[in-house]
Amino acid sequence: MSGGRPPVGGYVVDVRNGRLGEVMDHVGGCVQLRPVGGGREWDCPPECVEVAAPGEVLRERVRRLNREARLLGAIEPPR
């Protein structure tokens, strides 16, 4: 990412694998990322992140909500 470190709370793409993540911290020369909506964090070198487009973040949030809704539907008893 040119121009410095991404801000904590911002969203970036790990260009090594295309994963979208929220910036949680900067530790030991790495950017700590977490999947949108939560999950296990991973470390990424700062040169391997690019700012995520707002549309990418929105799409990922909708995907996660849909996935959670499907899981809840499978757990709740039919009415």
PDB file of N, CA and C in Angstrom:
ATOM      1  N   MET A   1       0.848  -1.168   0.000  1.00  0.00           N
ATOM      2  CA  MET A   1       0.000   0.000   0.000  1.00  0.00           C
ATOM      3  C   MET A   1       0.885   1.218   0.000  1.00  0.00           C
ATOM      4  N   SER A   2       0.771   2.004  -1.017  1.00  0.00           N
ATOM      5  CA  SER A   2       1.593   3.203  -1.088  1.00  0.00           C
ATOM      6  C   SER A   2       1.010   4.280  -0.185  1.00  0.00           C
ATOM      7  N   GLY A   3       1.869   5.125   0.377  1.00  0.00           N
ATOM      8  CA  GLY A   3       1.399   6.213   1.210  1.00  0.00           C
ATOM      9  C   GLY A   3       1.269   5.878   2.677  1.00  0.00           C
ATOM     10  N   GLY A   4       1.817   4.755   3.120  1.00  0.00           N
ATOM     11  CA  GLY A   4       1.822   4.450   4.542  1.00  0.00           C
ATOM     12  C   GLY A   4       0.939   3.300   4.942  1.00  0.00           C
ATOM     13  N   ARG A   5       0.748   3.212   6.253  1.00  0.00           N
ATOM     14  CA  ARG A   5      -0.017   2.103   6.832  1.00  0.00           C
ATOM     15  C   ARG A   5      -1.517   2.346   6.693  1.00  0.00           C
ATOM     16  N   PRO A   6      -2.263   1.281   6.463  1.00  0.00           N
ATOM     17  CA  PRO A   6      -3.719   1.441   6.422  1.00  0.00           C
ATOM     18  C   PRO A   6      -4.233   1.730   7.833  1.00  0.00           C
ATOM     19  N   PRO A   7      -5.267   2.540   7.970  1.00  0.00           N
ATOM     20  CA  PRO A   7      -5.757   2.883   9.305  1.00  0.00           C
ATOM     21  C   PRO A   7      -6.477   1.714   9.975  1.00  0.00           C
ATOM     22  N   VAL A   8      -6.324   1.628  11.293  1.00  0.00           N
ATOM     23  CA  VAL A   8      -7.062   0.627  12.068  1.00  0.00           C
ATOM     24  C   VAL A   8      -8.551   0.908  11.870  1.00  0.00           C
ATOM     25  N   GLY A   9      -9.303  -0.154  11.597  1.00  0.00           N
ATOM     26  CA  GLY A   9     -10.733  -0.020  11.339  1.00  0.00           C
ATOM     27  C   GLY A   9     -11.068   0.088   9.862  1.00  0.00           C
ATOM     28  N   GLY A  10     -10.042   0.302   9.029  1.00  0.00           N
ATOM     29  CA  GLY A  10     -10.254   0.362   7.585  1.00  0.00           C
ATOM     30  C   GLY A  10     -10.326  -1.042   6.997  1.00  0.00           C
ATOM     31  N   TYR A  11     -10.733  -1.115   5.742  1.00  0.00           N
ATOM     32  CA  TYR A  11     -10.841  -2.403   5.053  1.00  0.00           C
ATOM     33  C   TYR A  11      -9.850  -2.456   3.909  1.00  0.00           C
ATOM     34  N   VAL A  12      -9.166  -3.587   3.817  1.00  0.00           N
ATOM     35  CA  VAL A  12      -8.156  -3.779   2.782  1.00  0.00           C
ATOM     36  C   VAL A  12      -8.300  -5.174   2.180  1.00  0.00           C
ATOM     37  N   VAL A  13      -7.635  -5.350   1.060  1.00  0.00           N
ATOM     38  CA  VAL A  13      -7.561  -6.657   0.411  1.00  0.00           C
ATOM     39  C   VAL A  13      -6.130  -7.153   0.533  1.00  0.00           C
ATOM     40  N   ASP A  14      -5.973  -8.379   0.982  1.00  0.00           N
ATOM     41  CA  ASP A  14      -4.673  -9.046   1.016  1.00  0.00           C
ATOM     42  C   ASP A  14      -4.438  -9.541  -0.408  1.00  0.00           C
ATOM     43  N   VAL A  15      -3.539  -8.889  -1.132  1.00  0.00           N
ATOM     44  CA  VAL A  15      -3.357  -9.207  -2.553  1.00  0.00           C
ATOM     45  C   VAL A  15      -2.714 -10.568  -2.778  1.00  0.00           C
ATOM     46  N   ARG A  16      -2.174 -11.175  -1.734  1.00  0.00           N
ATOM     47  CA  ARG A  16      -1.581 -12.505  -1.885  1.00  0.00           C
ATOM     48  C   ARG A  16      -2.635 -13.565  -2.154  1.00  0.00           C
ATOM     49  N   ASN A  17      -3.849 -13.361  -1.592  1.00  0.00           N
ATOM     50  CA  ASN A  17      -4.888 -14.376  -1.756  1.00  0.00           C
ATOM     51  C   ASN A  17      -6.272 -13.795  -2.044  1.00  0.00           C
ATOM     52  N   GLY A  18      -6.384 -12.466  -2.108  1.00  0.00           N
ATOM     53  CA  GLY A  18      -7.653 -11.833  -2.434  1.00  0.00           C
ATOM     54  C   GLY A  18      -8.622 -11.710  -1.283  1.00  0.00           C
ATOM     55  N   ARG A  19      -8.198 -12.076  -0.076  1.00  0.00           N
ATOM     56  CA  ARG A  19      -9.093 -11.997   1.091  1.00  0.00           C
ATOM     57  C   ARG A  19      -9.299 -10.552   1.519  1.00  0.00           C
ATOM     58  N   LEU A  20     -10.516 -10.258   1.888  1.00  0.00           N
ATOM     59  CA  LEU A  20     -10.887  -8.945   2.381  1.00  0.00           C
ATOM     60  C   LEU A  20     -10.800  -8.969   3.895  1.00  0.00           C
ATOM     61  N   GLY A  21     -10.212  -7.933   4.487  1.00  0.00           N
ATOM     62  CA  GLY A  21     -10.088  -7.914   5.932  1.00  0.00           C
ATOM     63  C   GLY A  21     -10.179  -6.523   6.508  1.00  0.00           C
ATOM     64  N   GLU A  22     -10.564  -6.483   7.775  1.00  0.00           N
ATOM     65  CA  GLU A  22     -10.592  -5.239   8.532  1.00  0.00           C
ATOM     66  C   GLU A  22      -9.257  -5.116   9.258  1.00  0.00           C
ATOM     67  N   VAL A  23      -8.656  -3.943   9.208  1.00  0.00           N
ATOM     68  CA  VAL A  23      -7.376  -3.717   9.870  1.00  0.00           C
ATOM     69  C   VAL A  23      -7.622  -3.623  11.371  1.00  0.00           C
ATOM     70  N   MET A  24      -6.989  -4.524  12.118  1.00  0.00           N
ATOM     71  CA  MET A  24      -7.153  -4.567  13.568  1.00  0.00           C
ATOM     72  C   MET A  24      -5.993  -3.895  14.295  1.00  0.00           C
ATOM     73  N   ASP A  25      -4.781  -3.989  13.729  1.00  0.00           N
ATOM     74  CA  ASP A  25      -3.605  -3.453  14.413  1.00  0.00           C
ATOM     75  C   ASP A  25      -2.403  -3.518  13.469  1.00  0.00           C
ATOM     76  N   HIS A  26      -1.311  -2.929  13.913  1.00  0.00           N
ATOM     77  CA  HIS A  26      -0.018  -3.009  13.227  1.00  0.00           C
ATOM     78  C   HIS A  26       0.976  -3.516  14.259  1.00  0.00           C
ATOM     79  N   VAL A  27       1.477  -4.740  14.058  1.00  0.00           N
ATOM     80  CA  VAL A  27       2.364  -5.356  15.036  1.00  0.00           C
ATOM     81  C   VAL A  27       3.541  -5.998  14.328  1.00  0.00           C
ATOM     82  N   GLY A  28       4.736  -5.714  14.823  1.00  0.00           N
ATOM     83  CA  GLY A  28       5.935  -6.360  14.302  1.00  0.00           C
ATOM     84  C   GLY A  28       6.142  -6.185  12.811  1.00  0.00           C
ATOM     85  N   GLY A  29       5.765  -5.053  12.261  1.00  0.00           N
ATOM     86  CA  GLY A  29       5.952  -4.803  10.836  1.00  0.00           C
ATOM     87  C   GLY A  29       4.871  -5.401   9.963  1.00  0.00           C
ATOM     88  N   CYS A  30       3.880  -6.023  10.554  1.00  0.00           N
ATOM     89  CA  CYS A  30       2.772  -6.612   9.793  1.00  0.00           C
ATOM     90  C   CYS A  30       1.472  -5.886  10.104  1.00  0.00           C
ATOM     91  N   VAL A  31       0.537  -6.043   9.196  1.00  0.00           N
ATOM     92  CA  VAL A  31      -0.811  -5.539   9.401  1.00  0.00           C
ATOM     93  C   VAL A  31      -1.647  -6.730   9.844  1.00  0.00           C
ATOM     94  N   GLN A  32      -2.347  -6.597  10.964  1.00  0.00           N
ATOM     95  CA  GLN A  32      -3.212  -7.676  11.437  1.00  0.00           C
ATOM     96  C   GLN A  32      -4.612  -7.439  10.884  1.00  0.00           C
ATOM     97  N   LEU A  33      -5.112  -8.450  10.180  1.00  0.00           N
ATOM     98  CA  LEU A  33      -6.415  -8.363   9.528  1.00  0.00           C
ATOM     99  C   LEU A  33      -7.362  -9.388  10.109  1.00  0.00           C
ATOM    100  N   ARG A  34      -8.657  -9.060  10.054  1.00  0.00           N
ATOM    101  CA  ARG A  34      -9.710  -9.976  10.499  1.00  0.00           C
ATOM    102  C   ARG A  34     -10.791  -9.995   9.436  1.00  0.00           C
ATOM    103  N   PRO A  35     -11.375 -11.145   9.148  1.00  0.00           N
ATOM    104  CA  PRO A  35     -12.451 -11.190   8.160  1.00  0.00           C
ATOM    105  C   PRO A  35     -13.588 -10.228   8.534  1.00  0.00           C
ATOM    106  N   VAL A  36     -14.266  -9.710   7.544  1.00  0.00           N
ATOM    107  CA  VAL A  36     -15.399  -8.817   7.766  1.00  0.00           C
ATOM    108  C   VAL A  36     -16.443  -9.555   8.599  1.00  0.00           C
ATOM    109  N   GLY A  37     -16.862  -8.964   9.688  1.00  0.00           N
ATOM    110  CA  GLY A  37     -17.862  -9.583  10.547  1.00  0.00           C
ATOM    111  C   GLY A  37     -17.293 -10.483  11.620  1.00  0.00           C
ATOM    112  N   GLY A  38     -15.994 -10.681  11.629  1.00  0.00           N
ATOM    113  CA  GLY A  38     -15.369 -11.483  12.677  1.00  0.00           C
ATOM    114  C   GLY A  38     -14.722 -12.743  12.147  1.00  0.00           C
ATOM    115  N   GLY A  39     -13.936 -13.328  12.995  1.00  0.00           N
ATOM    116  CA  GLY A  39     -13.230 -14.544  12.611  1.00  0.00           C
ATOM    117  C   GLY A  39     -11.784 -14.479  13.042  1.00  0.00           C
ATOM    118  N   ARG A  40     -11.032 -15.437  12.584  1.00  0.00           N
ATOM    119  CA  ARG A  40      -9.626 -15.560  12.975  1.00  0.00           C
ATOM    120  C   ARG A  40      -8.769 -14.531  12.228  1.00  0.00           C
ATOM    121  N   GLU A  41      -7.947 -13.823  12.972  1.00  0.00           N
ATOM    122  CA  GLU A  41      -7.063 -12.817  12.389  1.00  0.00           C
ATOM    123  C   GLU A  41      -5.885 -13.471  11.676  1.00  0.00           C
ATOM    124  N   TRP A  42      -5.310 -12.720  10.736  1.00  0.00           N
ATOM    125  CA  TRP A  42      -4.088 -13.164  10.077  1.00  0.00           C
ATOM    126  C   TRP A  42      -3.186 -11.958   9.862  1.00  0.00           C
ATOM    127  N   ASP A  43      -1.896 -12.230   9.704  1.00  0.00           N
ATOM    128  CA  ASP A  43      -0.907 -11.181   9.482  1.00  0.00           C
ATOM    129  C   ASP A  43      -0.614 -11.047   8.005  1.00  0.00           C
ATOM    130  N   CYS A  44      -0.382  -9.802   7.595  1.00  0.00           N
ATOM    131  CA  CYS A  44      -0.090  -9.526   6.198  1.00  0.00           C
ATOM    132  C   CYS A  44       0.985  -8.448   6.130  1.00  0.00           C
ATOM    133  N   PRO A  45       1.993  -8.620   5.283  1.00  0.00           N
ATOM    134  CA  PRO A  45       2.975  -7.553   5.105  1.00  0.00           C
ATOM    135  C   PRO A  45       2.282  -6.315   4.543  1.00  0.00           C
ATOM    136  N   PRO A  46       2.662  -5.128   5.011  1.00  0.00           N
ATOM    137  CA  PRO A  46       1.980  -3.912   4.569  1.00  0.00           C
ATOM    138  C   PRO A  46       2.058  -3.674   3.062  1.00  0.00           C
ATOM    139  N   GLU A  47       3.079  -4.189   2.418  1.00  0.00           N
ATOM    140  CA  GLU A  47       3.195  -4.005   0.965  1.00  0.00           C
ATOM    141  C   GLU A  47       2.241  -4.906   0.182  1.00  0.00           C
ATOM    142  N   CYS A  48       1.564  -5.804   0.888  1.00  0.00           N
ATOM    143  CA  CYS A  48       0.640  -6.739   0.234  1.00  0.00           C
ATOM    144  C   CYS A  48      -0.824  -6.391   0.477  1.00  0.00           C
ATOM    145  N   VAL A  49      -1.102  -5.166   0.933  1.00  0.00           N
ATOM    146  CA  VAL A  49      -2.486  -4.763   1.129  1.00  0.00           C
ATOM    147  C   VAL A  49      -2.837  -3.612   0.203  1.00  0.00           C
ATOM    148  N   GLU A  50      -4.084  -3.625  -0.240  1.00  0.00           N
ATOM    149  CA  GLU A  50      -4.641  -2.534  -1.036  1.00  0.00           C
ATOM    150  C   GLU A  50      -5.967  -2.140  -0.409  1.00  0.00           C
ATOM    151  N   VAL A  51      -6.291  -0.860  -0.477  1.00  0.00           N
ATOM    152  CA  VAL A  51      -7.559  -0.383   0.078  1.00  0.00           C
ATOM    153  C   VAL A  51      -8.702  -1.075  -0.656  1.00  0.00           C
ATOM    154  N   ALA A  52      -9.672  -1.562   0.115  1.00  0.00           N
ATOM    155  CA  ALA A  52     -10.839  -2.238  -0.461  1.00  0.00           C
ATOM    156  C   ALA A  52     -11.864  -1.204  -0.906  1.00  0.00           C
ATOM    157  N   ALA A  53     -12.479  -1.464  -2.038  1.00  0.00           N
ATOM    158  CA  ALA A  53     -13.557  -0.606  -2.524  1.00  0.00           C
ATOM    159  C   ALA A  53     -14.777  -0.785  -1.635  1.00  0.00           C
ATOM    160  N   PRO A  54     -15.550   0.282  -1.400  1.00  0.00           N
ATOM    161  CA  PRO A  54     -16.746   0.156  -0.554  1.00  0.00           C
ATOM    162  C   PRO A  54     -17.700  -0.938  -1.035  1.00  0.00           C
ATOM    163  N   GLY A  55     -17.827  -1.123  -2.331  1.00  0.00           N
ATOM    164  CA  GLY A  55     -18.699  -2.164  -2.860  1.00  0.00           C
ATOM    165  C   GLY A  55     -18.243  -3.553  -2.468  1.00  0.00           C
ATOM    166  N   GLU A  56     -16.922  -3.773  -2.395  1.00  0.00           N
ATOM    167  CA  GLU A  56     -16.395  -5.075  -1.978  1.00  0.00           C
ATOM    168  C   GLU A  56     -16.771  -5.371  -0.530  1.00  0.00           C
ATOM    169  N   VAL A  57     -16.656  -4.353   0.309  1.00  0.00           N
ATOM    170  CA  VAL A  57     -16.980  -4.520   1.729  1.00  0.00           C
ATOM    171  C   VAL A  57     -18.468  -4.819   1.888  1.00  0.00           C
ATOM    172  N   LEU A  58     -19.305  -4.090   1.189  1.00  0.00           N
ATOM    173  CA  LEU A  58     -20.747  -4.311   1.261  1.00  0.00           C
ATOM    174  C   LEU A  58     -21.119  -5.713   0.793  1.00  0.00           C
ATOM    175  N   ARG A  59     -20.537  -6.151  -0.329  1.00  0.00           N
ATOM    176  CA  ARG A  59     -20.816  -7.503  -0.837  1.00  0.00           C
ATOM    177  C   ARG A  59     -20.444  -8.564   0.188  1.00  0.00           C
ATOM    178  N   GLU A  60     -19.298  -8.392   0.847  1.00  0.00           N
ATOM    179  CA  GLU A  60     -18.853  -9.375   1.835  1.00  0.00           C
ATOM    180  C   GLU A  60     -19.779  -9.386   3.042  1.00  0.00           C
ATOM    181  N   ARG A  61     -20.238  -8.223   3.471  1.00  0.00           N
ATOM    182  CA  ARG A  61     -21.185  -8.172   4.596  1.00  0.00           C
ATOM    183  C   ARG A  61     -22.488  -8.884   4.243  1.00  0.00           C
ATOM    184  N   VAL A  62     -22.991  -8.666   3.033  1.00  0.00           N
ATOM    185  CA  VAL A  62     -24.229  -9.320   2.597  1.00  0.00           C
ATOM    186  C   VAL A  62     -24.023 -10.828   2.510  1.00  0.00           C
ATOM    187  N   ARG A  63     -22.886 -11.269   1.961  1.00  0.00           N
ATOM    188  CA  ARG A  63     -22.591 -12.708   1.893  1.00  0.00           C
ATOM    189  C   ARG A  63     -22.618 -13.338   3.280  1.00  0.00           C
ATOM    190  N   ARG A  64     -21.987 -12.658   4.231  1.00  0.00           N
ATOM    191  CA  ARG A  64     -21.923 -13.196   5.594  1.00  0.00           C
ATOM    192  C   ARG A  64     -23.317 -13.262   6.217  1.00  0.00           C
ATOM    193  N   LEU A  65     -24.123 -12.215   6.049  1.00  0.00           N
ATOM    194  CA  LEU A  65     -25.483 -12.219   6.590  1.00  0.00           C
ATOM    195  C   LEU A  65     -26.327 -13.330   5.960  1.00  0.00           C
ATOM    196  N   ASN A  66     -26.201 -13.518   4.658  1.00  0.00           N
ATOM    197  CA  ASN A  66     -26.944 -14.588   3.987  1.00  0.00           C
ATOM    198  C   ASN A  66     -26.518 -15.959   4.495  1.00  0.00           C
ATOM    199  N   ARG A  67     -25.218 -16.143   4.675  1.00  0.00           N
ATOM    200  CA  ARG A  67     -24.703 -17.426   5.173  1.00  0.00           C
ATOM    201  C   ARG A  67     -25.246 -17.691   6.583  1.00  0.00           C
ATOM    202  N   GLU A  68     -25.231 -16.663   7.437  1.00  0.00           N
ATOM    203  CA  GLU A  68     -25.739 -16.825   8.802  1.00  0.00           C
ATOM    204  C   GLU A  68     -27.239 -17.103   8.799  1.00  0.00           C
ATOM    205  N   ALA A  69     -27.982 -16.445   7.922  1.00  0.00           N
ATOM    206  CA  ALA A  69     -29.426 -16.664   7.842  1.00  0.00           C
ATOM    207  C   ALA A  69     -29.733 -18.096   7.406  1.00  0.00           C
ATOM    208  N   ARG A  70     -28.959 -18.615   6.452  1.00  0.00           N
ATOM    209  CA  ARG A  70     -29.150 -20.006   6.018  1.00  0.00           C
ATOM    210  C   ARG A  70     -28.863 -20.971   7.152  1.00  0.00           C
ATOM    211  N   LEU A  71     -27.818 -20.703   7.923  1.00  0.00           N
ATOM    212  CA  LEU A  71     -27.484 -21.572   9.049  1.00  0.00           C
ATOM    213  C   LEU A  71     -28.585 -21.537  10.106  1.00  0.00           C
ATOM    214  N   LEU A  72     -29.098 -20.367  10.397  1.00  0.00           N
ATOM    215  CA  LEU A  72     -30.181 -20.257  11.375  1.00  0.00           C
ATOM    216  C   LEU A  72     -31.434 -20.969  10.883  1.00  0.00           C
ATOM    217  N   GLY A  73     -31.707 -20.857   9.599  1.00  0.00           N
ATOM    218  CA  GLY A  73     -32.861 -21.540   9.032  1.00  0.00           C
ATOM    219  C   GLY A  73     -32.750 -23.040   9.156  1.00  0.00           C
ATOM    220  N   ALA A  74     -31.531 -23.555   9.083  1.00  0.00           N
ATOM    221  CA  ALA A  74     -31.320 -24.996   9.190  1.00  0.00           C
ATOM    222  C   ALA A  74     -31.441 -25.463  10.642  1.00  0.00           C
ATOM    223  N   ILE A  75     -31.242 -24.567  11.577  1.00  0.00           N
ATOM    224  CA  ILE A  75     -31.280 -24.936  12.987  1.00  0.00           C
ATOM    225  C   ILE A  75     -32.678 -24.790  13.575  1.00  0.00           C
ATOM    226  N   GLU A  76     -33.393 -23.744  13.196  1.00  0.00           N
ATOM    227  CA  GLU A  76     -34.733 -23.507  13.755  1.00  0.00           C
ATOM    228  C   GLU A  76     -35.717 -24.569  13.273  1.00  0.00           C
ATOM    229  N   PRO A  77     -36.599 -25.013  14.149  1.00  0.00           N
ATOM    230  CA  PRO A  77     -37.593 -26.025  13.733  1.00  0.00           C
ATOM    231  C   PRO A  77     -38.610 -25.406  12.779  1.00  0.00           C
ATOM    232  N   PRO A  78     -39.157 -26.209  11.853  1.00  0.00           N
ATOM    233  CA  PRO A  78     -40.178 -25.673  10.941  1.00  0.00           C
ATOM    234  C   PRO A  78     -41.436 -25.294  11.713  1.00  0.00           C
ATOM    235  N   ARG A  79     -42.117 -24.299  11.184  1.00  0.00           N
ATOM    236  CA  ARG A  79     -43.347 -23.827  11.857  1.00  0.00           C
ATOM    237  C   ARG A  79     -44.572 -24.383  11.210  1.00  0.00           C
TER     238      ARG A  79
END
